[in-house]
mmCIF file of all heavy atoms, coordinates in Angstrom:
data_MODEL
# 
_entry.id   MODEL 
# 
loop_
_atom_site.group_PDB 
_atom_site.id 
_atom_site.type_symbol 
_atom_site.label_atom_id 
_atom_site.label_alt_id 
_atom_site.label_comp_id 
_atom_site.label_asym_id 
_atom_site.label_entity_id 
_atom_site.label_seq_id 
_atom_site.pdbx_PDB_ins_code 
_atom_site.Cartn_x 
_atom_site.Cartn_y 
_atom_site.Cartn_z 
_atom_site.occupancy 
_atom_site.B_iso_or_equiv 
_atom_site.pdbx_formal_charge 
_atom_site.auth_seq_id 
_atom_site.auth_comp_id 
_atom_site.auth_asym_id 
_atom_site.auth_atom_id 
_atom_site.pdbx_PDB_model_num 
ATOM 1   N N   . LYS A 1 1  ? -52.779 -18.356 34.878 1.00 0.00 ? 1  LYS A N   1 
ATOM 2   C CA  . LYS A 1 1  ? -52.728 -19.289 33.758 1.00 0.00 ? 1  LYS A CA  1 
ATOM 3   C C   . LYS A 1 1  ? -54.049 -20.025 33.530 1.00 0.00 ? 1  LYS A C   1 
ATOM 4   O O   . LYS A 1 1  ? -54.335 -20.452 32.404 1.00 0.00 ? 1  LYS A O   1 
ATOM 5   C CB  . LYS A 1 1  ? -51.605 -20.305 33.965 1.00 0.00 ? 1  LYS A CB  1 
ATOM 6   C CG  . LYS A 1 1  ? -50.201 -19.720 33.889 1.00 0.00 ? 1  LYS A CG  1 
ATOM 7   C CD  . LYS A 1 1  ? -49.883 -19.197 32.493 1.00 0.00 ? 1  LYS A CD  1 
ATOM 8   C CE  . LYS A 1 1  ? -48.459 -18.691 32.415 1.00 0.00 ? 1  LYS A CE  1 
ATOM 9   N NZ  . LYS A 1 1  ? -48.128 -18.159 31.061 1.00 0.00 ? 1  LYS A NZ  1 
ATOM 10  N N   . VAL A 1 2  ? -54.857 -20.180 34.597 1.00 0.00 ? 2  VAL A N   1 
ATOM 11  C CA  . VAL A 1 2  ? -56.132 -20.902 34.439 1.00 0.00 ? 2  VAL A CA  1 
ATOM 12  C C   . VAL A 1 2  ? -57.317 -19.949 34.286 1.00 0.00 ? 2  VAL A C   1 
ATOM 13  O O   . VAL A 1 2  ? -58.474 -20.368 34.313 1.00 0.00 ? 2  VAL A O   1 
ATOM 14  C CB  . VAL A 1 2  ? -56.379 -21.886 35.613 1.00 0.00 ? 2  VAL A CB  1 
ATOM 15  C CG1 . VAL A 1 2  ? -55.250 -22.894 35.700 1.00 0.00 ? 2  VAL A CG1 1 
ATOM 16  C CG2 . VAL A 1 2  ? -56.581 -21.159 36.939 1.00 0.00 ? 2  VAL A CG2 1 
ATOM 17  N N   . GLY A 1 3  ? -57.017 -18.651 34.117 1.00 0.00 ? 3  GLY A N   1 
ATOM 18  C CA  . GLY A 1 3  ? -58.073 -17.693 33.836 1.00 0.00 ? 3  GLY A CA  1 
ATOM 19  C C   . GLY A 1 3  ? -58.752 -17.074 35.031 1.00 0.00 ? 3  GLY A C   1 
ATOM 20  O O   . GLY A 1 3  ? -59.848 -16.521 34.922 1.00 0.00 ? 3  GLY A O   1 
ATOM 21  N N   . VAL A 1 4  ? -58.089 -17.142 36.209 1.00 0.00 ? 4  VAL A N   1 
ATOM 22  C CA  . VAL A 1 4  ? -58.642 -16.530 37.425 1.00 0.00 ? 4  VAL A CA  1 
ATOM 23  C C   . VAL A 1 4  ? -57.847 -15.269 37.750 1.00 0.00 ? 4  VAL A C   1 
ATOM 24  O O   . VAL A 1 4  ? -56.616 -15.249 37.606 1.00 0.00 ? 4  VAL A O   1 
ATOM 25  C CB  . VAL A 1 4  ? -58.568 -17.522 38.607 1.00 0.00 ? 4  VAL A CB  1 
ATOM 26  C CG1 . VAL A 1 4  ? -59.000 -16.849 39.908 1.00 0.00 ? 4  VAL A CG1 1 
ATOM 27  C CG2 . VAL A 1 4  ? -59.426 -18.750 38.328 1.00 0.00 ? 4  VAL A CG2 1 
ATOM 28  N N   . ASP A 1 5  ? -58.523 -14.221 38.175 1.00 0.00 ? 5  ASP A N   1 
ATOM 29  C CA  . ASP A 1 5  ? -57.854 -12.979 38.548 1.00 0.00 ? 5  ASP A CA  1 
ATOM 30  C C   . ASP A 1 5  ? -56.896 -13.267 39.711 1.00 0.00 ? 5  ASP A C   1 
ATOM 31  O O   . ASP A 1 5  ? -57.330 -13.616 40.813 1.00 0.00 ? 5  ASP A O   1 
ATOM 32  C CB  . ASP A 1 5  ? -58.902 -11.945 38.984 1.00 0.00 ? 5  ASP A CB  1 
ATOM 33  C CG  . ASP A 1 5  ? -58.296 -10.597 39.348 1.00 0.00 ? 5  ASP A CG  1 
ATOM 34  O OD1 . ASP A 1 5  ? -57.048 -10.504 39.460 1.00 0.00 ? 5  ASP A OD1 1 
ATOM 35  O OD2 . ASP A 1 5  ? -59.058 -9.639  39.547 1.00 0.00 ? 5  ASP A OD2 1 
ATOM 36  N N   . PRO A 1 6  ? -55.581 -13.148 39.506 1.00 0.00 ? 6  PRO A N   1 
ATOM 37  C CA  . PRO A 1 6  ? -54.631 -13.503 40.566 1.00 0.00 ? 6  PRO A CA  1 
ATOM 38  C C   . PRO A 1 6  ? -54.738 -12.641 41.812 1.00 0.00 ? 6  PRO A C   1 
ATOM 39  O O   . PRO A 1 6  ? -54.315 -13.047 42.888 1.00 0.00 ? 6  PRO A O   1 
ATOM 40  C CB  . PRO A 1 6  ? -53.266 -13.341 39.887 1.00 0.00 ? 6  PRO A CB  1 
ATOM 41  C CG  . PRO A 1 6  ? -53.505 -12.452 38.723 1.00 0.00 ? 6  PRO A CG  1 
ATOM 42  C CD  . PRO A 1 6  ? -54.907 -12.722 38.271 1.00 0.00 ? 6  PRO A CD  1 
ATOM 43  N N   . SER A 1 7  ? -55.315 -11.458 41.671 1.00 0.00 ? 7  SER A N   1 
ATOM 44  C CA  . SER A 1 7  ? -55.464 -10.595 42.846 1.00 0.00 ? 7  SER A CA  1 
ATOM 45  C C   . SER A 1 7  ? -56.549 -11.105 43.797 1.00 0.00 ? 7  SER A C   1 
ATOM 46  O O   . SER A 1 7  ? -56.669 -10.632 44.921 1.00 0.00 ? 7  SER A O   1 
ATOM 47  C CB  . SER A 1 7  ? -55.785 -9.162  42.419 1.00 0.00 ? 7  SER A CB  1 
ATOM 48  O OG  . SER A 1 7  ? -57.071 -9.092  41.816 1.00 0.00 ? 7  SER A OG  1 
ATOM 49  N N   . LYS A 1 8  ? -57.316 -12.103 43.340 1.00 0.00 ? 8  LYS A N   1 
ATOM 50  C CA  . LYS A 1 8  ? -58.406 -12.640 44.175 1.00 0.00 ? 8  LYS A CA  1 
ATOM 51  C C   . LYS A 1 8  ? -58.023 -13.925 44.916 1.00 0.00 ? 8  LYS A C   1 
ATOM 52  O O   . LYS A 1 8  ? -58.861 -14.500 45.616 1.00 0.00 ? 8  LYS A O   1 
ATOM 53  C CB  . LYS A 1 8  ? -59.645 -12.899 43.298 1.00 0.00 ? 8  LYS A CB  1 
ATOM 54  C CG  . LYS A 1 8  ? -60.275 -11.617 42.772 1.00 0.00 ? 8  LYS A CG  1 
ATOM 55  C CD  . LYS A 1 8  ? -61.557 -11.898 42.004 1.00 0.00 ? 8  LYS A CD  1 
ATOM 56  C CE  . LYS A 1 8  ? -62.209 -10.595 41.540 1.00 0.00 ? 8  LYS A CE  1 
ATOM 57  N NZ  . LYS A 1 8  ? -63.454 -10.846 40.763 1.00 0.00 ? 8  LYS A NZ  1 
ATOM 58  N N   . ILE A 1 9  ? -56.777 -14.364 44.764 1.00 0.00 ? 9  ILE A N   1 
ATOM 59  C CA  . ILE A 1 9  ? -56.409 -15.584 45.486 1.00 0.00 ? 9  ILE A CA  1 
ATOM 60  C C   . ILE A 1 9  ? -56.364 -15.306 46.984 1.00 0.00 ? 9  ILE A C   1 
ATOM 61  O O   . ILE A 1 9  ? -56.063 -14.195 47.425 1.00 0.00 ? 9  ILE A O   1 
ATOM 62  C CB  . ILE A 1 9  ? -55.069 -16.179 45.008 1.00 0.00 ? 9  ILE A CB  1 
ATOM 63  C CG1 . ILE A 1 9  ? -53.895 -15.233 45.327 1.00 0.00 ? 9  ILE A CG1 1 
ATOM 64  C CG2 . ILE A 1 9  ? -55.098 -16.537 43.541 1.00 0.00 ? 9  ILE A CG2 1 
ATOM 65  C CD1 . ILE A 1 9  ? -52.543 -15.907 45.164 1.00 0.00 ? 9  ILE A CD1 1 
ATOM 66  N N   . ASN A 1 10 ? -56.667 -16.335 47.762 1.00 0.00 ? 10 ASN A N   1 
ATOM 67  C CA  . ASN A 1 10 ? -56.688 -16.237 49.220 1.00 0.00 ? 10 ASN A CA  1 
ATOM 68  C C   . ASN A 1 10 ? -55.417 -16.882 49.757 1.00 0.00 ? 10 ASN A C   1 
ATOM 69  O O   . ASN A 1 10 ? -55.359 -18.088 49.978 1.00 0.00 ? 10 ASN A O   1 
ATOM 70  C CB  . ASN A 1 10 ? -57.940 -16.957 49.750 1.00 0.00 ? 10 ASN A CB  1 
ATOM 71  C CG  . ASN A 1 10 ? -58.080 -16.821 51.258 1.00 0.00 ? 10 ASN A CG  1 
ATOM 72  O OD1 . ASN A 1 10 ? -57.245 -16.223 51.927 1.00 0.00 ? 10 ASN A OD1 1 
ATOM 73  N ND2 . ASN A 1 10 ? -59.150 -17.391 51.790 1.00 0.00 ? 10 ASN A ND2 1 
ATOM 74  N N   . TYR A 1 11 ? -54.391 -16.065 49.943 1.00 0.00 ? 11 TYR A N   1 
ATOM 75  C CA  . TYR A 1 11 ? -53.094 -16.586 50.378 1.00 0.00 ? 11 TYR A CA  1 
ATOM 76  C C   . TYR A 1 11 ? -52.881 -16.298 51.868 1.00 0.00 ? 11 TYR A C   1 
ATOM 77  O O   . TYR A 1 11 ? -53.006 -15.158 52.312 1.00 0.00 ? 11 TYR A O   1 
ATOM 78  C CB  . TYR A 1 11 ? -51.956 -15.972 49.566 1.00 0.00 ? 11 TYR A CB  1 
ATOM 79  C CG  . TYR A 1 11 ? -50.603 -16.572 49.891 1.00 0.00 ? 11 TYR A CG  1 
ATOM 80  C CD1 . TYR A 1 11 ? -50.212 -17.785 49.327 1.00 0.00 ? 11 TYR A CD1 1 
ATOM 81  C CD2 . TYR A 1 11 ? -49.741 -15.949 50.781 1.00 0.00 ? 11 TYR A CD2 1 
ATOM 82  C CE1 . TYR A 1 11 ? -48.979 -18.358 49.635 1.00 0.00 ? 11 TYR A CE1 1 
ATOM 83  C CE2 . TYR A 1 11 ? -48.510 -16.509 51.097 1.00 0.00 ? 11 TYR A CE2 1 
ATOM 84  C CZ  . TYR A 1 11 ? -48.136 -17.712 50.520 1.00 0.00 ? 11 TYR A CZ  1 
ATOM 85  O OH  . TYR A 1 11 ? -46.927 -18.282 50.849 1.00 0.00 ? 11 TYR A OH  1 
ATOM 86  N N   . VAL A 1 12 ? -52.546 -17.346 52.618 1.00 0.00 ? 12 VAL A N   1 
ATOM 87  C CA  . VAL A 1 12 ? -52.291 -17.217 54.050 1.00 0.00 ? 12 VAL A CA  1 
ATOM 88  C C   . VAL A 1 12 ? -50.787 -17.361 54.281 1.00 0.00 ? 12 VAL A C   1 
ATOM 89  O O   . VAL A 1 12 ? -50.220 -18.431 54.057 1.00 0.00 ? 12 VAL A O   1 
ATOM 90  C CB  . VAL A 1 12 ? -53.053 -18.293 54.857 1.00 0.00 ? 12 VAL A CB  1 
ATOM 91  C CG1 . VAL A 1 12 ? -52.829 -18.083 56.355 1.00 0.00 ? 12 VAL A CG1 1 
ATOM 92  C CG2 . VAL A 1 12 ? -54.537 -18.270 54.521 1.00 0.00 ? 12 VAL A CG2 1 
ATOM 93  N N   . ALA A 1 13 ? -50.156 -16.274 54.710 1.00 0.00 ? 13 ALA A N   1 
ATOM 94  C CA  . ALA A 1 13 ? -48.704 -16.278 54.900 1.00 0.00 ? 13 ALA A CA  1 
ATOM 95  C C   . ALA A 1 13 ? -48.348 -16.698 56.321 1.00 0.00 ? 13 ALA A C   1 
ATOM 96  O O   . ALA A 1 13 ? -49.008 -16.292 57.288 1.00 0.00 ? 13 ALA A O   1 
ATOM 97  C CB  . ALA A 1 13 ? -48.145 -14.885 54.621 1.00 0.00 ? 13 ALA A CB  1 
ATOM 98  N N   . PHE A 1 14 ? -47.294 -17.497 56.438 1.00 0.00 ? 14 PHE A N   1 
ATOM 99  C CA  . PHE A 1 14 ? -46.795 -17.924 57.741 1.00 0.00 ? 14 PHE A CA  1 
ATOM 100 C C   . PHE A 1 14 ? -45.343 -17.498 57.888 1.00 0.00 ? 14 PHE A C   1 
ATOM 101 O O   . PHE A 1 14 ? -44.602 -17.398 56.917 1.00 0.00 ? 14 PHE A O   1 
ATOM 102 C CB  . PHE A 1 14 ? -46.919 -19.441 57.888 1.00 0.00 ? 14 PHE A CB  1 
ATOM 103 C CG  . PHE A 1 14 ? -48.338 -19.932 57.882 1.00 0.00 ? 14 PHE A CG  1 
ATOM 104 C CD1 . PHE A 1 14 ? -48.914 -20.411 56.711 1.00 0.00 ? 14 PHE A CD1 1 
ATOM 105 C CD2 . PHE A 1 14 ? -49.101 -19.892 59.037 1.00 0.00 ? 14 PHE A CD2 1 
ATOM 106 C CE1 . PHE A 1 14 ? -50.219 -20.863 56.690 1.00 0.00 ? 14 PHE A CE1 1 
ATOM 107 C CE2 . PHE A 1 14 ? -50.425 -20.334 59.024 1.00 0.00 ? 14 PHE A CE2 1 
ATOM 108 C CZ  . PHE A 1 14 ? -50.982 -20.823 57.857 1.00 0.00 ? 14 PHE A CZ  1 
ATOM 109 N N   . ARG A 1 15 ? -44.918 -17.265 59.133 1.00 0.00 ? 15 ARG A N   1 
ATOM 110 C CA  . ARG A 1 15 ? -43.575 -16.747 59.378 1.00 0.00 ? 15 ARG A CA  1 
ATOM 111 C C   . ARG A 1 15 ? -42.485 -17.797 59.224 1.00 0.00 ? 15 ARG A C   1 
ATOM 112 O O   . ARG A 1 15 ? -41.335 -17.487 58.982 1.00 0.00 ? 15 ARG A O   1 
ATOM 113 C CB  . ARG A 1 15 ? -43.489 -16.142 60.778 1.00 0.00 ? 15 ARG A CB  1 
ATOM 114 C CG  . ARG A 1 15 ? -44.234 -14.831 60.920 1.00 0.00 ? 15 ARG A CG  1 
ATOM 115 C CD  . ARG A 1 15 ? -43.966 -14.200 62.264 1.00 0.00 ? 15 ARG A CD  1 
ATOM 116 N NE  . ARG A 1 15 ? -44.396 -15.064 63.368 1.00 0.00 ? 15 ARG A NE  1 
ATOM 117 C CZ  . ARG A 1 15 ? -44.175 -14.797 64.652 1.00 0.00 ? 15 ARG A CZ  1 
ATOM 118 N NH1 . ARG A 1 15 ? -43.509 -13.715 64.976 1.00 0.00 ? 15 ARG A NH1 1 
ATOM 119 N NH2 . ARG A 1 15 ? -44.602 -15.614 65.584 1.00 0.00 ? 15 ARG A NH2 1 
ATOM 120 N N   . GLY A 1 16 ? -42.847 -19.054 59.368 1.00 0.00 ? 16 GLY A N   1 
ATOM 121 C CA  . GLY A 1 16 ? -41.844 -20.108 59.271 1.00 0.00 ? 16 GLY A CA  1 
ATOM 122 C C   . GLY A 1 16 ? -42.441 -21.401 58.784 1.00 0.00 ? 16 GLY A C   1 
ATOM 123 O O   . GLY A 1 16 ? -43.664 -21.580 58.756 1.00 0.00 ? 16 GLY A O   1 
ATOM 124 N N   . GLY A 1 17 ? -41.551 -22.337 58.407 1.00 0.00 ? 17 GLY A N   1 
ATOM 125 C CA  . GLY A 1 17 ? -42.008 -23.612 57.885 1.00 0.00 ? 17 GLY A CA  1 
ATOM 126 C C   . GLY A 1 17 ? -42.825 -24.408 58.885 1.00 0.00 ? 17 GLY A C   1 
ATOM 127 O O   . GLY A 1 17 ? -43.767 -25.112 58.509 1.00 0.00 ? 17 GLY A O   1 
ATOM 128 N N   . GLY A 1 18 ? -42.495 -24.283 60.173 1.00 0.00 ? 18 GLY A N   1 
ATOM 129 C CA  . GLY A 1 18 ? -43.227 -25.013 61.207 1.00 0.00 ? 18 GLY A CA  1 
ATOM 130 C C   . GLY A 1 18 ? -44.683 -24.605 61.288 1.00 0.00 ? 18 GLY A C   1 
ATOM 131 O O   . GLY A 1 18 ? -45.579 -25.452 61.415 1.00 0.00 ? 18 GLY A O   1 
ATOM 132 N N   . GLU A 1 19 ? -44.929 -23.295 61.213 1.00 0.00 ? 19 GLU A N   1 
ATOM 133 C CA  . GLU A 1 19 ? -46.306 -22.785 61.275 1.00 0.00 ? 19 GLU A CA  1 
ATOM 134 C C   . GLU A 1 19 ? -47.110 -23.251 60.067 1.00 0.00 ? 19 GLU A C   1 
ATOM 135 O O   . GLU A 1 19 ? -48.270 -23.661 60.192 1.00 0.00 ? 19 GLU A O   1 
ATOM 136 C CB  . GLU A 1 19 ? -46.310 -21.257 61.330 1.00 0.00 ? 19 GLU A CB  1 
ATOM 137 C CG  . GLU A 1 19 ? -45.850 -20.660 62.651 1.00 0.00 ? 19 GLU A CG  1 
ATOM 138 C CD  . GLU A 1 19 ? -45.948 -19.152 62.659 1.00 0.00 ? 19 GLU A CD  1 
ATOM 139 O OE1 . GLU A 1 19 ? -46.516 -18.586 61.696 1.00 0.00 ? 19 GLU A OE1 1 
ATOM 140 O OE2 . GLU A 1 19 ? -45.467 -18.535 63.614 1.00 0.00 ? 19 GLU A OE2 1 
ATOM 141 N N   . ALA A 1 20 ? -46.494 -23.174 58.894 1.00 0.00 ? 20 ALA A N   1 
ATOM 142 C CA  . ALA A 1 20 ? -47.184 -23.583 57.667 1.00 0.00 ? 20 ALA A CA  1 
ATOM 143 C C   . ALA A 1 20 ? -47.505 -25.074 57.701 1.00 0.00 ? 20 ALA A C   1 
ATOM 144 O O   . ALA A 1 20 ? -48.610 -25.499 57.355 1.00 0.00 ? 20 ALA A O   1 
ATOM 145 C CB  . ALA A 1 20 ? -46.331 -23.255 56.448 1.00 0.00 ? 20 ALA A CB  1 
ATOM 146 N N   . THR A 1 21 ? -46.555 -25.867 58.161 1.00 0.00 ? 21 THR A N   1 
ATOM 147 C CA  . THR A 1 21 ? -46.752 -27.316 58.245 1.00 0.00 ? 21 THR A CA  1 
ATOM 148 C C   . THR A 1 21 ? -47.904 -27.656 59.181 1.00 0.00 ? 21 THR A C   1 
ATOM 149 O O   . THR A 1 21 ? -48.761 -28.490 58.859 1.00 0.00 ? 21 THR A O   1 
ATOM 150 C CB  . THR A 1 21 ? -45.457 -28.003 58.729 1.00 0.00 ? 21 THR A CB  1 
ATOM 151 O OG1 . THR A 1 21 ? -44.435 -27.789 57.765 1.00 0.00 ? 21 THR A OG1 1 
ATOM 152 C CG2 . THR A 1 21 ? -45.668 -29.497 58.914 1.00 0.00 ? 21 THR A CG2 1 
ATOM 153 N N   . ALA A 1 22 ? -47.945 -26.994 60.335 1.00 0.00 ? 22 ALA A N   1 
ATOM 154 C CA  . ALA A 1 22 ? -49.015 -27.240 61.307 1.00 0.00 ? 22 ALA A CA  1 
ATOM 155 C C   . ALA A 1 22 ? -50.377 -26.892 60.715 1.00 0.00 ? 22 ALA A C   1 
ATOM 156 O O   . ALA A 1 22 ? -51.369 -27.605 60.935 1.00 0.00 ? 22 ALA A O   1 
ATOM 157 C CB  . ALA A 1 22 ? -48.764 -26.436 62.580 1.00 0.00 ? 22 ALA A CB  1 
ATOM 158 N N   . ALA A 1 23 ? -50.443 -25.806 59.964 1.00 0.00 ? 23 ALA A N   1 
ATOM 159 C CA  . ALA A 1 23 ? -51.705 -25.377 59.355 1.00 0.00 ? 23 ALA A CA  1 
ATOM 160 C C   . ALA A 1 23 ? -52.178 -26.379 58.307 1.00 0.00 ? 23 ALA A C   1 
ATOM 161 O O   . ALA A 1 23 ? -53.372 -26.670 58.196 1.00 0.00 ? 23 ALA A O   1 
ATOM 162 C CB  . ALA A 1 23 ? -51.543 -23.997 58.723 1.00 0.00 ? 23 ALA A CB  1 
ATOM 163 N N   . ILE A 1 24 ? -51.234 -26.921 57.548 1.00 0.00 ? 24 ILE A N   1 
ATOM 164 C CA  . ILE A 1 24 ? -51.597 -27.909 56.523 1.00 0.00 ? 24 ILE A CA  1 
ATOM 165 C C   . ILE A 1 24 ? -52.065 -29.197 57.179 1.00 0.00 ? 24 ILE A C   1 
ATOM 166 O O   . ILE A 1 24 ? -53.118 -29.751 56.833 1.00 0.00 ? 24 ILE A O   1 
ATOM 167 C CB  . ILE A 1 24 ? -50.396 -28.181 55.589 1.00 0.00 ? 24 ILE A CB  1 
ATOM 168 C CG1 . ILE A 1 24 ? -50.023 -26.911 54.820 1.00 0.00 ? 24 ILE A CG1 1 
ATOM 169 C CG2 . ILE A 1 24 ? -50.721 -29.301 54.607 1.00 0.00 ? 24 ILE A CG2 1 
ATOM 170 C CD1 . ILE A 1 24 ? -48.628 -26.946 54.236 1.00 0.00 ? 24 ILE A CD1 1 
ATOM 171 N N   . LEU A 1 25 ? -51.296 -29.685 58.142 1.00 0.00 ? 25 LEU A N   1 
ATOM 172 C CA  . LEU A 1 25 ? -51.651 -30.929 58.822 1.00 0.00 ? 25 LEU A CA  1 
ATOM 173 C C   . LEU A 1 25 ? -52.990 -30.808 59.554 1.00 0.00 ? 25 LEU A C   1 
ATOM 174 O O   . LEU A 1 25 ? -53.741 -31.773 59.666 1.00 0.00 ? 25 LEU A O   1 
ATOM 175 C CB  . LEU A 1 25 ? -50.548 -31.324 59.819 1.00 0.00 ? 25 LEU A CB  1 
ATOM 176 C CG  . LEU A 1 25 ? -49.189 -31.689 59.213 1.00 0.00 ? 25 LEU A CG  1 
ATOM 177 C CD1 . LEU A 1 25 ? -48.165 -31.936 60.318 1.00 0.00 ? 25 LEU A CD1 1 
ATOM 178 C CD2 . LEU A 1 25 ? -49.310 -32.923 58.322 1.00 0.00 ? 25 LEU A CD2 1 
ATOM 179 N N   . GLY A 1 26 ? -53.276 -29.600 60.035 1.00 0.00 ? 26 GLY A N   1 
ATOM 180 C CA  . GLY A 1 26 ? -54.531 -29.373 60.753 1.00 0.00 ? 26 GLY A CA  1 
ATOM 181 C C   . GLY A 1 26 ? -55.710 -29.081 59.843 1.00 0.00 ? 26 GLY A C   1 
ATOM 182 O O   . GLY A 1 26 ? -56.829 -28.878 60.326 1.00 0.00 ? 26 GLY A O   1 
# 
């Protein structure tokens, strides 16, 4: 929607909410 190629996003997948939360807090 903002004009960036969506295939170029850098998405980091986590297996569970706990892992994602720790990564954000850190």
